[in-house]
Amino acid sequence: MARIPKELVAPFQVAGADALIYTVPAATKTVVRYIHISNPTGTARTLFLSKGADAAGNRIYDGFTIAAGTVRDDFCYHVMEAGGTLRAHADAGAALVLTINGDEIILG
């Protein structure tokens, strides 16, 4: 098994509507280890980040408010199976910037 440190989600502006941002490749497990969120705007914004379908029970961040002009860095350990997905949206598009890093573990 090869463990490959990887930028899973490159820095991007989160949309105002639910969007797929990452899918675990076939024959792979992924461990999400780091989530970086920045809000360069002058207004507080709210983030929703889900493992799988966007639903309250699947959310890593459920209406998490990021204050204006701030950054949040979270070190975490979320294991995802092949075909698993990450989805994100914010209360306003083109406001929050999201980056996610982790390890892809190639099975077999």
PDB file of N, CA and C in Angstrom:
ATOM      1  N   MET A   1       0.835  -1.185   0.000  1.00  0.00           N
ATOM      2  CA  MET A   1       0.000   0.000   0.000  1.00  0.00           C
ATOM      3  C   MET A   1       0.877   1.246   0.000  1.00  0.00           C
ATOM      4  N   ALA A   2       0.613   2.112  -0.926  1.00  0.00           N
ATOM      5  CA  ALA A   2       1.333   3.380  -0.997  1.00  0.00           C
ATOM      6  C   ALA A   2       0.488   4.477  -0.369  1.00  0.00           C
ATOM      7  N   ARG A   3       1.103   5.276   0.486  1.00  0.00           N
ATOM      8  CA  ARG A   3       0.432   6.421   1.116  1.00  0.00           C
ATOM      9  C   ARG A   3       0.998   7.677   0.458  1.00  0.00           C
ATOM     10  N   ILE A   4       0.121   8.450  -0.184  1.00  0.00           N
ATOM     11  CA  ILE A   4       0.559   9.607  -0.940  1.00  0.00           C
ATOM     12  C   ILE A   4      -0.026  10.876  -0.328  1.00  0.00           C
ATOM     13  N   PRO A   5       0.807  11.729   0.318  1.00  0.00           N
ATOM     14  CA  PRO A   5       0.319  13.012   0.795  1.00  0.00           C
ATOM     15  C   PRO A   5      -0.124  13.842  -0.412  1.00  0.00           C
ATOM     16  N   LYS A   6      -1.266  14.498  -0.285  1.00  0.00           N
ATOM     17  CA  LYS A   6      -1.818  15.149  -1.466  1.00  0.00           C
ATOM     18  C   LYS A   6      -2.685  16.343  -1.093  1.00  0.00           C
ATOM     19  N   GLU A   7      -2.672  17.350  -1.965  1.00  0.00           N
ATOM     20  CA  GLU A   7      -3.641  18.433  -1.872  1.00  0.00           C
ATOM     21  C   GLU A   7      -4.924  17.899  -2.507  1.00  0.00           C
ATOM     22  N   LEU A   8      -5.901  17.566  -1.683  1.00  0.00           N
ATOM     23  CA  LEU A   8      -7.136  16.963  -2.174  1.00  0.00           C
ATOM     24  C   LEU A   8      -8.031  17.991  -2.850  1.00  0.00           C
ATOM     25  N   VAL A   9      -8.073  19.168  -2.279  1.00  0.00           N
ATOM     26  CA  VAL A   9      -8.870  20.263  -2.831  1.00  0.00           C
ATOM     27  C   VAL A   9      -7.960  21.481  -2.874  1.00  0.00           C
ATOM     28  N   ALA A  10      -7.622  21.930  -4.084  1.00  0.00           N
ATOM     29  CA  ALA A  10      -6.768  23.103  -4.245  1.00  0.00           C
ATOM     30  C   ALA A  10      -7.537  24.341  -3.781  1.00  0.00           C
ATOM     31  N   PRO A  11      -6.838  25.400  -3.402  1.00  0.00           N
ATOM     32  CA  PRO A  11      -7.561  26.596  -2.970  1.00  0.00           C
ATOM     33  C   PRO A  11      -8.580  27.035  -4.030  1.00  0.00           C
ATOM     34  N   PHE A  12      -9.813  27.195  -3.591  1.00  0.00           N
ATOM     35  CA  PHE A  12     -10.863  27.655  -4.492  1.00  0.00           C
ATOM     36  C   PHE A  12     -11.927  28.391  -3.712  1.00  0.00           C
ATOM     37  N   GLN A  13     -12.685  29.229  -4.401  1.00  0.00           N
ATOM     38  CA  GLN A  13     -13.785  29.943  -3.771  1.00  0.00           C
ATOM     39  C   GLN A  13     -15.010  29.042  -3.760  1.00  0.00           C
ATOM     40  N   VAL A  14     -15.566  28.859  -2.569  1.00  0.00           N
ATOM     41  CA  VAL A  14     -16.714  27.983  -2.386  1.00  0.00           C
ATOM     42  C   VAL A  14     -17.949  28.614  -3.024  1.00  0.00           C
ATOM     43  N   ALA A  15     -18.719  27.789  -3.728  1.00  0.00           N
ATOM     44  CA  ALA A  15     -19.937  28.257  -4.399  1.00  0.00           C
ATOM     45  C   ALA A  15     -21.056  28.510  -3.392  1.00  0.00           C
ATOM     46  N   GLY A  16     -22.067  29.216  -3.840  1.00  0.00           N
ATOM     47  CA  GLY A  16     -23.238  29.483  -3.013  1.00  0.00           C
ATOM     48  C   GLY A  16     -24.246  28.347  -3.061  1.00  0.00           C
ATOM     49  N   ALA A  17     -24.003  27.340  -3.885  1.00  0.00           N
ATOM     50  CA  ALA A  17     -24.879  26.162  -3.992  1.00  0.00           C
ATOM     51  C   ALA A  17     -24.037  24.911  -3.818  1.00  0.00           C
ATOM     52  N   ASP A  18     -24.644  23.847  -3.327  1.00  0.00           N
ATOM     53  CA  ASP A  18     -23.951  22.581  -3.079  1.00  0.00           C
ATOM     54  C   ASP A  18     -23.186  22.123  -4.321  1.00  0.00           C
ATOM     55  N   ALA A  19     -21.903  21.755  -4.115  1.00  0.00           N
ATOM     56  CA  ALA A  19     -21.064  21.320  -5.236  1.00  0.00           C
ATOM     57  C   ALA A  19     -20.127  20.206  -4.791  1.00  0.00           C
ATOM     58  N   LEU A  20     -19.890  19.255  -5.679  1.00  0.00           N
ATOM     59  CA  LEU A  20     -18.923  18.187  -5.465  1.00  0.00           C
ATOM     60  C   LEU A  20     -17.522  18.777  -5.563  1.00  0.00           C
ATOM     61  N   ILE A  21     -16.668  18.523  -4.555  1.00  0.00           N
ATOM     62  CA  ILE A  21     -15.322  19.089  -4.595  1.00  0.00           C
ATOM     63  C   ILE A  21     -14.228  18.029  -4.587  1.00  0.00           C
ATOM     64  N   TYR A  22     -14.555  16.765  -4.216  1.00  0.00           N
ATOM     65  CA  TYR A  22     -13.544  15.707  -4.213  1.00  0.00           C
ATOM     66  C   TYR A  22     -14.235  14.353  -4.211  1.00  0.00           C
ATOM     67  N   THR A  23     -13.650  13.411  -4.967  1.00  0.00           N
ATOM     68  CA  THR A  23     -14.104  12.019  -4.975  1.00  0.00           C
ATOM     69  C   THR A  23     -12.900  11.119  -4.744  1.00  0.00           C
ATOM     70  N   VAL A  24     -13.019  10.182  -3.809  1.00  0.00           N
ATOM     71  CA  VAL A  24     -11.935   9.231  -3.534  1.00  0.00           C
ATOM     72  C   VAL A  24     -11.799   8.309  -4.745  1.00  0.00           C
ATOM     73  N   PRO A  25     -10.596   8.180  -5.314  1.00  0.00           N
ATOM     74  CA  PRO A  25     -10.407   7.310  -6.476  1.00  0.00           C
ATOM     75  C   PRO A  25     -10.694   5.835  -6.154  1.00  0.00           C
ATOM     76  N   ALA A  26     -10.932   5.054  -7.201  1.00  0.00           N
ATOM     77  CA  ALA A  26     -11.136   3.607  -7.057  1.00  0.00           C
ATOM     78  C   ALA A  26      -9.888   2.977  -6.439  1.00  0.00           C
ATOM     79  N   ALA A  27     -10.070   1.883  -5.705  1.00  0.00           N
ATOM     80  CA  ALA A  27      -8.986   1.128  -5.063  1.00  0.00           C
ATOM     81  C   ALA A  27      -8.130   2.001  -4.153  1.00  0.00           C
ATOM     82  N   THR A  28      -8.750   2.981  -3.522  1.00  0.00           N
ATOM     83  CA  THR A  28      -8.042   3.946  -2.681  1.00  0.00           C
ATOM     84  C   THR A  28      -8.871   4.269  -1.444  1.00  0.00           C
ATOM     85  N   LYS A  29      -8.204   4.521  -0.338  1.00  0.00           N
ATOM     86  CA  LYS A  29      -8.815   5.142   0.833  1.00  0.00           C
ATOM     87  C   LYS A  29      -8.176   6.505   0.977  1.00  0.00           C
ATOM     88  N   THR A  30      -8.907   7.459   1.496  1.00  0.00           N
ATOM     89  CA  THR A  30      -8.370   8.793   1.719  1.00  0.00           C
ATOM     90  C   THR A  30      -8.545   9.166   3.177  1.00  0.00           C
ATOM     91  N   VAL A  31      -7.519   9.795   3.728  1.00  0.00           N
ATOM     92  CA  VAL A  31      -7.613  10.355   5.073  1.00  0.00           C
ATOM     93  C   VAL A  31      -7.478  11.867   4.945  1.00  0.00           C
ATOM     94  N   VAL A  32      -8.557  12.579   5.269  1.00  0.00           N
ATOM     95  CA  VAL A  32      -8.525  14.039   5.291  1.00  0.00           C
ATOM     96  C   VAL A  32      -7.833  14.442   6.587  1.00  0.00           C
ATOM     97  N   ARG A  33      -6.753  15.202   6.479  1.00  0.00           N
ATOM     98  CA  ARG A  33      -5.961  15.551   7.656  1.00  0.00           C
ATOM     99  C   ARG A  33      -5.947  17.037   7.984  1.00  0.00           C
ATOM    100  N   TYR A  34      -6.279  17.888   7.018  1.00  0.00           N
ATOM    101  CA  TYR A  34      -6.137  19.326   7.236  1.00  0.00           C
ATOM    102  C   TYR A  34      -7.155  20.075   6.387  1.00  0.00           C
ATOM    103  N   ILE A  35      -7.867  20.996   7.023  1.00  0.00           N
ATOM    104  CA  ILE A  35      -8.836  21.840   6.327  1.00  0.00           C
ATOM    105  C   ILE A  35      -8.502  23.293   6.647  1.00  0.00           C
ATOM    106  N   HIS A  36      -8.286  24.077   5.601  1.00  0.00           N
ATOM    107  CA  HIS A  36      -7.966  25.510   5.734  1.00  0.00           C
ATOM    108  C   HIS A  36      -9.109  26.299   5.113  1.00  0.00           C
ATOM    109  N   ILE A  37      -9.655  27.227   5.884  1.00  0.00           N
ATOM    110  CA  ILE A  37     -10.758  28.071   5.410  1.00  0.00           C
ATOM    111  C   ILE A  37     -10.356  29.520   5.632  1.00  0.00           C
ATOM    112  N   SER A  38     -10.500  30.334   4.615  1.00  0.00           N
ATOM    113  CA  SER A  38     -10.253  31.769   4.805  1.00  0.00           C
ATOM    114  C   SER A  38     -11.459  32.557   4.291  1.00  0.00           C
ATOM    115  N   ASN A  39     -11.672  33.687   4.940  1.00  0.00           N
ATOM    116  CA  ASN A  39     -12.742  34.596   4.542  1.00  0.00           C
ATOM    117  C   ASN A  39     -12.125  35.975   4.324  1.00  0.00           C
ATOM    118  N   PRO A  40     -11.715  36.259   3.086  1.00  0.00           N
ATOM    119  CA  PRO A  40     -11.077  37.542   2.810  1.00  0.00           C
ATOM    120  C   PRO A  40     -12.071  38.701   2.663  1.00  0.00           C
ATOM    121  N   THR A  41     -13.350  38.419   2.808  1.00  0.00           N
ATOM    122  CA  THR A  41     -14.366  39.464   2.621  1.00  0.00           C
ATOM    123  C   THR A  41     -14.550  40.284   3.901  1.00  0.00           C
ATOM    124  N   GLY A  42     -15.371  41.292   3.810  1.00  0.00           N
ATOM    125  CA  GLY A  42     -15.677  42.153   4.951  1.00  0.00           C
ATOM    126  C   GLY A  42     -16.920  41.740   5.703  1.00  0.00           C
ATOM    127  N   THR A  43     -17.466  40.554   5.392  1.00  0.00           N
ATOM    128  CA  THR A  43     -18.691  40.067   6.012  1.00  0.00           C
ATOM    129  C   THR A  43     -18.500  38.638   6.497  1.00  0.00           C
ATOM    130  N   ALA A  44     -19.035  38.302   7.657  1.00  0.00           N
ATOM    131  CA  ALA A  44     -18.994  36.913   8.130  1.00  0.00           C
ATOM    132  C   ALA A  44     -19.743  36.025   7.144  1.00  0.00           C
ATOM    133  N   ARG A  45     -19.232  34.834   6.899  1.00  0.00           N
ATOM    134  CA  ARG A  45     -19.840  33.876   5.974  1.00  0.00           C
ATOM    135  C   ARG A  45     -19.961  32.513   6.656  1.00  0.00           C
ATOM    136  N   THR A  46     -20.875  31.700   6.144  1.00  0.00           N
ATOM    137  CA  THR A  46     -21.169  30.401   6.735  1.00  0.00           C
ATOM    138  C   THR A  46     -20.816  29.282   5.770  1.00  0.00           C
ATOM    139  N   LEU A  47     -20.113  28.252   6.277  1.00  0.00           N
ATOM    140  CA  LEU A  47     -19.656  27.123   5.475  1.00  0.00           C
ATOM    141  C   LEU A  47     -20.423  25.852   5.827  1.00  0.00           C
ATOM    142  N   PHE A  48     -20.718  25.067   4.806  1.00  0.00           N
ATOM    143  CA  PHE A  48     -21.278  23.724   4.943  1.00  0.00           C
ATOM    144  C   PHE A  48     -20.352  22.789   4.181  1.00  0.00           C
ATOM    145  N   LEU A  49     -19.817  21.758   4.852  1.00  0.00           N
ATOM    146  CA  LEU A  49     -18.919  20.784   4.232  1.00  0.00           C
ATOM    147  C   LEU A  49     -19.383  19.400   4.651  1.00  0.00           C
ATOM    148  N   SER A  50     -19.680  18.538   3.667  1.00  0.00           N
ATOM    149  CA  SER A  50     -20.250  17.220   3.943  1.00  0.00           C
ATOM    150  C   SER A  50     -19.399  16.100   3.379  1.00  0.00           C
ATOM    151  N   LYS A  51     -19.401  14.972   4.086  1.00  0.00           N
ATOM    152  CA  LYS A  51     -18.883  13.713   3.544  1.00  0.00           C
ATOM    153  C   LYS A  51     -20.091  13.008   2.957  1.00  0.00           C
ATOM    154  N   GLY A  52     -20.093  12.812   1.651  1.00  0.00           N
ATOM    155  CA  GLY A  52     -21.255  12.207   1.000  1.00  0.00           C
ATOM    156  C   GLY A  52     -22.290  13.268   0.672  1.00  0.00           C
ATOM    157  N   ALA A  53     -23.524  12.818   0.502  1.00  0.00           N
ATOM    158  CA  ALA A  53     -24.609  13.734   0.137  1.00  0.00           C
ATOM    159  C   ALA A  53     -24.734  14.846   1.168  1.00  0.00           C
ATOM    160  N   ASP A  54     -25.077  16.048   0.701  1.00  0.00           N
ATOM    161  CA  ASP A  54     -25.245  17.166   1.623  1.00  0.00           C
ATOM    162  C   ASP A  54     -26.506  16.959   2.454  1.00  0.00           C
ATOM    163  N   ALA A  55     -26.308  16.673   3.723  1.00  0.00           N
ATOM    164  CA  ALA A  55     -27.407  16.489   4.668  1.00  0.00           C
ATOM    165  C   ALA A  55     -26.852  16.752   6.059  1.00  0.00           C
ATOM    166  N   ALA A  56     -27.680  17.202   6.953  1.00  0.00           N
ATOM    167  CA  ALA A  56     -27.235  17.559   8.302  1.00  0.00           C
ATOM    168  C   ALA A  56     -26.429  16.443   8.961  1.00  0.00           C
ATOM    169  N   GLY A  57     -26.819  15.193   8.762  1.00  0.00           N
ATOM    170  CA  GLY A  57     -26.136  14.071   9.387  1.00  0.00           C
ATOM    171  C   GLY A  57     -24.793  13.728   8.778  1.00  0.00           C
ATOM    172  N   ASN A  58     -24.447  14.324   7.644  1.00  0.00           N
ATOM    173  CA  ASN A  58     -23.186  14.024   6.952  1.00  0.00           C
ATOM    174  C   ASN A  58     -22.176  15.168   7.025  1.00  0.00           C
ATOM    175  N   ARG A  59     -22.527  16.237   7.688  1.00  0.00           N
ATOM    176  CA  ARG A  59     -21.702  17.439   7.631  1.00  0.00           C
ATOM    177  C   ARG A  59     -20.550  17.437   8.625  1.00  0.00           C
ATOM    178  N   ILE A  60     -19.378  17.803   8.121  1.00  0.00           N
ATOM    179  CA  ILE A  60     -18.211  18.073   8.957  1.00  0.00           C
ATOM    180  C   ILE A  60     -18.368  19.473   9.547  1.00  0.00           C
ATOM    181  N   TYR A  61     -18.801  20.413   8.707  1.00  0.00           N
ATOM    182  CA  TYR A  61     -19.150  21.770   9.140  1.00  0.00           C
ATOM    183  C   TYR A  61     -20.605  21.995   8.764  1.00  0.00           C
ATOM    184  N   ASP A  62     -21.433  22.306   9.742  1.00  0.00           N
ATOM    185  CA  ASP A  62     -22.858  22.506   9.510  1.00  0.00           C
ATOM    186  C   ASP A  62     -23.235  23.927   9.899  1.00  0.00           C
ATOM    187  N   GLY A  63     -23.161  24.820   8.936  1.00  0.00           N
ATOM    188  CA  GLY A  63     -23.471  26.213   9.221  1.00  0.00           C
ATOM    189  C   GLY A  63     -22.407  26.861  10.089  1.00  0.00           C
ATOM    190  N   PHE A  64     -21.144  26.547   9.801  1.00  0.00           N
ATOM    191  CA  PHE A  64     -20.017  27.050  10.578  1.00  0.00           C
ATOM    192  C   PHE A  64     -19.664  28.458  10.104  1.00  0.00           C
ATOM    193  N   THR A  65     -19.716  29.431  10.997  1.00  0.00           N
ATOM    194  CA  THR A  65     -19.470  30.823  10.636  1.00  0.00           C
ATOM    195  C   THR A  65     -17.989  31.160  10.724  1.00  0.00           C
ATOM    196  N   ILE A  66     -17.501  31.785   9.653  1.00  0.00           N
ATOM    197  CA  ILE A  66     -16.127  32.261   9.580  1.00  0.00           C
ATOM    198  C   ILE A  66     -16.203  33.788   9.576  1.00  0.00           C
ATOM    199  N   ALA A  67     -15.623  34.412  10.586  1.00  0.00           N
ATOM    200  CA  ALA A  67     -15.687  35.870  10.700  1.00  0.00           C
ATOM    201  C   ALA A  67     -14.981  36.550   9.530  1.00  0.00           C
ATOM    202  N   ALA A  68     -15.379  37.766   9.263  1.00  0.00           N
ATOM    203  CA  ALA A  68     -14.781  38.551   8.178  1.00  0.00           C
ATOM    204  C   ALA A  68     -13.281  38.715   8.399  1.00  0.00           C
ATOM    205  N   GLY A  69     -12.522  38.535   7.320  1.00  0.00           N
ATOM    206  CA  GLY A  69     -11.080  38.758   7.363  1.00  0.00           C
ATOM    207  C   GLY A  69     -10.298  37.779   8.218  1.00  0.00           C
ATOM    208  N   THR A  70     -10.835  36.589   8.451  1.00  0.00           N
ATOM    209  CA  THR A  70     -10.129  35.623   9.298  1.00  0.00           C
ATOM    210  C   THR A  70      -9.809  34.341   8.549  1.00  0.00           C
ATOM    211  N   VAL A  71      -8.970  33.520   9.205  1.00  0.00           N
ATOM    212  CA  VAL A  71      -8.552  32.226   8.681  1.00  0.00           C
ATOM    213  C   VAL A  71      -8.789  31.193   9.767  1.00  0.00           C
ATOM    214  N   ARG A  72      -9.176  29.980   9.353  1.00  0.00           N
ATOM    215  CA  ARG A  72      -9.343  28.874  10.300  1.00  0.00           C
ATOM    216  C   ARG A  72      -8.568  27.678   9.751  1.00  0.00           C
ATOM    217  N   ASP A  73      -7.725  27.077  10.597  1.00  0.00           N
ATOM    218  CA  ASP A  73      -6.975  25.884  10.245  1.00  0.00           C
ATOM    219  C   ASP A  73      -7.378  24.771  11.189  1.00  0.00           C
ATOM    220  N   ASP A  74      -7.890  23.671  10.636  1.00  0.00           N
ATOM    221  CA  ASP A  74      -8.308  22.532  11.445  1.00  0.00           C
ATOM    222  C   ASP A  74      -7.516  21.292  11.044  1.00  0.00           C
ATOM    223  N   PHE A  75      -6.851  20.692  12.012  1.00  0.00           N
ATOM    224  CA  PHE A  75      -6.192  19.414  11.804  1.00  0.00           C
ATOM    225  C   PHE A  75      -7.184  18.344  12.232  1.00  0.00           C
ATOM    226  N   CYS A  76      -7.378  17.341  11.391  1.00  0.00           N
ATOM    227  CA  CYS A  76      -8.449  16.376  11.618  1.00  0.00           C
ATOM    228  C   CYS A  76      -8.031  14.999  11.112  1.00  0.00           C
ATOM    229  N   TYR A  77      -8.946  14.039  11.205  1.00  0.00           N
ATOM    230  CA  TYR A  77      -8.675  12.689  10.724  1.00  0.00           C
ATOM    231  C   TYR A  77      -9.998  12.074  10.293  1.00  0.00           C
ATOM    232  N   HIS A  78     -10.363  12.295   9.042  1.00  0.00           N
ATOM    233  CA  HIS A  78     -11.605  11.758   8.477  1.00  0.00           C
ATOM    234  C   HIS A  78     -11.240  10.713   7.428  1.00  0.00           C
ATOM    235  N   VAL A  79     -11.589   9.449   7.685  1.00  0.00           N
ATOM    236  CA  VAL A  79     -11.296   8.358   6.755  1.00  0.00           C
ATOM    237  C   VAL A  79     -12.443   8.238   5.766  1.00  0.00           C
ATOM    238  N   MET A  80     -12.082   8.111   4.483  1.00  0.00           N
ATOM    239  CA  MET A  80     -13.075   7.987   3.425  1.00  0.00           C
ATOM    240  C   MET A  80     -12.748   6.788   2.549  1.00  0.00           C
ATOM    241  N   GLU A  81     -13.774   6.054   2.166  1.00  0.00           N
ATOM    242  CA  GLU A  81     -13.622   4.860   1.321  1.00  0.00           C
ATOM    243  C   GLU A  81     -13.666   5.236  -0.159  1.00  0.00           C
ATOM    244  N   ALA A  82     -13.225   4.326  -1.011  1.00  0.00           N
ATOM    245  CA  ALA A  82     -13.269   4.537  -2.472  1.00  0.00           C
ATOM    246  C   ALA A  82     -14.667   4.953  -2.892  1.00  0.00           C
ATOM    247  N   GLY A  83     -14.746   5.955  -3.739  1.00  0.00           N
ATOM    248  CA  GLY A  83     -16.030   6.462  -4.218  1.00  0.00           C
ATOM    249  C   GLY A  83     -16.672   7.488  -3.300  1.00  0.00           C
ATOM    250  N   GLY A  84     -16.128   7.651  -2.086  1.00  0.00           N
ATOM    251  CA  GLY A  84     -16.661   8.658  -1.162  1.00  0.00           C
ATOM    252  C   GLY A  84     -16.432  10.059  -1.701  1.00  0.00           C
ATOM    253  N   THR A  85     -17.260  10.982  -1.271  1.00  0.00           N
ATOM    254  CA  THR A  85     -17.168  12.347  -1.800  1.00  0.00           C
ATOM    255  C   THR A  85     -17.159  13.391  -0.690  1.00  0.00           C
ATOM    256  N   LEU A  86     -16.631  14.559  -1.049  1.00  0.00           N
ATOM    257  CA  LEU A  86     -16.756  15.756  -0.240  1.00  0.00           C
ATOM    258  C   LEU A  86     -17.560  16.756  -1.046  1.00  0.00           C
ATOM    259  N   ARG A  87     -18.483  17.433  -0.376  1.00  0.00           N
ATOM    260  CA  ARG A  87     -19.323  18.445  -1.016  1.00  0.00           C
ATOM    261  C   ARG A  87     -19.288  19.690  -0.151  1.00  0.00           C
ATOM    262  N   ALA A  88     -19.372  20.857  -0.768  1.00  0.00           N
ATOM    263  CA  ALA A  88     -19.309  22.102  -0.002  1.00  0.00           C
ATOM    264  C   ALA A  88     -20.210  23.164  -0.609  1.00  0.00           C
ATOM    265  N   HIS A  89     -20.648  24.073   0.243  1.00  0.00           N
ATOM    266  CA  HIS A  89     -21.293  25.305  -0.198  1.00  0.00           C
ATOM    267  C   HIS A  89     -21.243  26.317   0.941  1.00  0.00           C
ATOM    268  N   ALA A  90     -21.493  27.558   0.608  1.00  0.00           N
ATOM    269  CA  ALA A  90     -21.479  28.636   1.589  1.00  0.00           C
ATOM    270  C   ALA A  90     -22.770  29.441   1.448  1.00  0.00           C
ATOM    271  N   ASP A  91     -22.996  30.333   2.399  1.00  0.00           N
ATOM    272  CA  ASP A  91     -24.205  31.156   2.335  1.00  0.00           C
ATOM    273  C   ASP A  91     -24.131  32.204   1.227  1.00  0.00           C
ATOM    274  N   ALA A  92     -22.935  32.434   0.694  1.00  0.00           N
ATOM    275  CA  ALA A  92     -22.754  33.336  -0.448  1.00  0.00           C
ATOM    276  C   ALA A  92     -21.588  32.816  -1.272  1.00  0.00           C
ATOM    277  N   GLY A  93     -21.746  32.804  -2.574  1.00  0.00           N
ATOM    278  CA  GLY A  93     -20.686  32.323  -3.451  1.00  0.00           C
ATOM    279  C   GLY A  93     -19.532  33.299  -3.538  1.00  0.00           C
ATOM    280  N   ALA A  94     -18.375  32.779  -3.917  1.00  0.00           N
ATOM    281  CA  ALA A  94     -17.163  33.576  -4.163  1.00  0.00           C
ATOM    282  C   ALA A  94     -16.762  34.397  -2.940  1.00  0.00           C
ATOM    283  N   ALA A  95     -16.937  33.832  -1.745  1.00  0.00           N
ATOM    284  CA  ALA A  95     -16.547  34.540  -0.527  1.00  0.00           C
ATOM    285  C   ALA A  95     -15.493  33.748   0.245  1.00  0.00           C
ATOM    286  N   LEU A  96     -15.810  32.513   0.629  1.00  0.00           N
ATOM    287  CA  LEU A  96     -14.877  31.688   1.390  1.00  0.00           C
ATOM    288  C   LEU A  96     -13.912  30.969   0.457  1.00  0.00           C
ATOM    289  N   VAL A  97     -12.669  30.795   0.907  1.00  0.00           N
ATOM    290  CA  VAL A  97     -11.667  30.051   0.157  1.00  0.00           C
ATOM    291  C   VAL A  97     -11.324  28.807   0.974  1.00  0.00           C
ATOM    292  N   LEU A  98     -11.376  27.634   0.325  1.00  0.00           N
ATOM    293  CA  LEU A  98     -11.211  26.353   1.002  1.00  0.00           C
ATOM    294  C   LEU A  98     -10.054  25.570   0.389  1.00  0.00           C
ATOM    295  N   THR A  99      -9.220  24.974   1.251  1.00  0.00           N
ATOM    296  CA  THR A  99      -8.143  24.073   0.837  1.00  0.00           C
ATOM    297  C   THR A  99      -8.205  22.855   1.743  1.00  0.00           C
ATOM    298  N   ILE A 100      -8.080  21.650   1.176  1.00  0.00           N
ATOM    299  CA  ILE A 100      -8.114  20.425   1.972  1.00  0.00           C
ATOM    300  C   ILE A 100      -6.933  19.543   1.565  1.00  0.00           C
ATOM    301  N   ASN A 101      -6.170  19.076   2.567  1.00  0.00           N
ATOM    302  CA  ASN A 101      -5.031  18.195   2.341  1.00  0.00           C
ATOM    303  C   ASN A 101      -5.232  16.889   3.078  1.00  0.00           C
ATOM    304  N   GLY A 102      -4.592  15.841   2.592  1.00  0.00           N
ATOM    305  CA  GLY A 102      -4.686  14.554   3.253  1.00  0.00           C
ATOM    306  C   GLY A 102      -3.797  13.535   2.585  1.00  0.00           C
ATOM    307  N   ASP A 103      -4.084  12.274   2.864  1.00  0.00           N
ATOM    308  CA  ASP A 103      -3.328  11.171   2.285  1.00  0.00           C
ATOM    309  C   ASP A 103      -4.256  10.276   1.478  1.00  0.00           C
ATOM    310  N   GLU A 104      -3.825   9.916   0.283  1.00  0.00           N
ATOM    311  CA  GLU A 104      -4.507   8.864  -0.471  1.00  0.00           C
ATOM    312  C   GLU A 104      -3.713   7.586  -0.274  1.00  0.00           C
ATOM    313  N   ILE A 105      -4.391   6.538   0.108  1.00  0.00           N
ATOM    314  CA  ILE A 105      -3.767   5.235   0.358  1.00  0.00           C
ATOM    315  C   ILE A 105      -4.229   4.288  -0.730  1.00  0.00           C
ATOM    316  N   ILE A 106      -3.317   3.901  -1.599  1.00  0.00           N
ATOM    317  CA  ILE A 106      -3.659   3.016  -2.707  1.00  0.00           C
ATOM    318  C   ILE A 106      -3.661   1.590  -2.192  1.00  0.00           C
ATOM    319  N   LEU A 107      -4.783   0.906  -2.339  1.00  0.00           N
ATOM    320  CA  LEU A 107      -4.956  -0.436  -1.812  1.00  0.00           C
ATOM    321  C   LEU A 107      -4.451  -1.479  -2.816  1.00  0.00           C
ATOM    322  N   GLY A 108      -3.987  -2.595  -2.281  1.00  0.00           N
ATOM    323  CA  GLY A 108      -3.611  -3.705  -3.139  1.00  0.00           C
ATOM    324  C   GLY A 108      -2.173  -3.805  -3.464  1.00  0.00           C
TER     325      GLY A 108
END
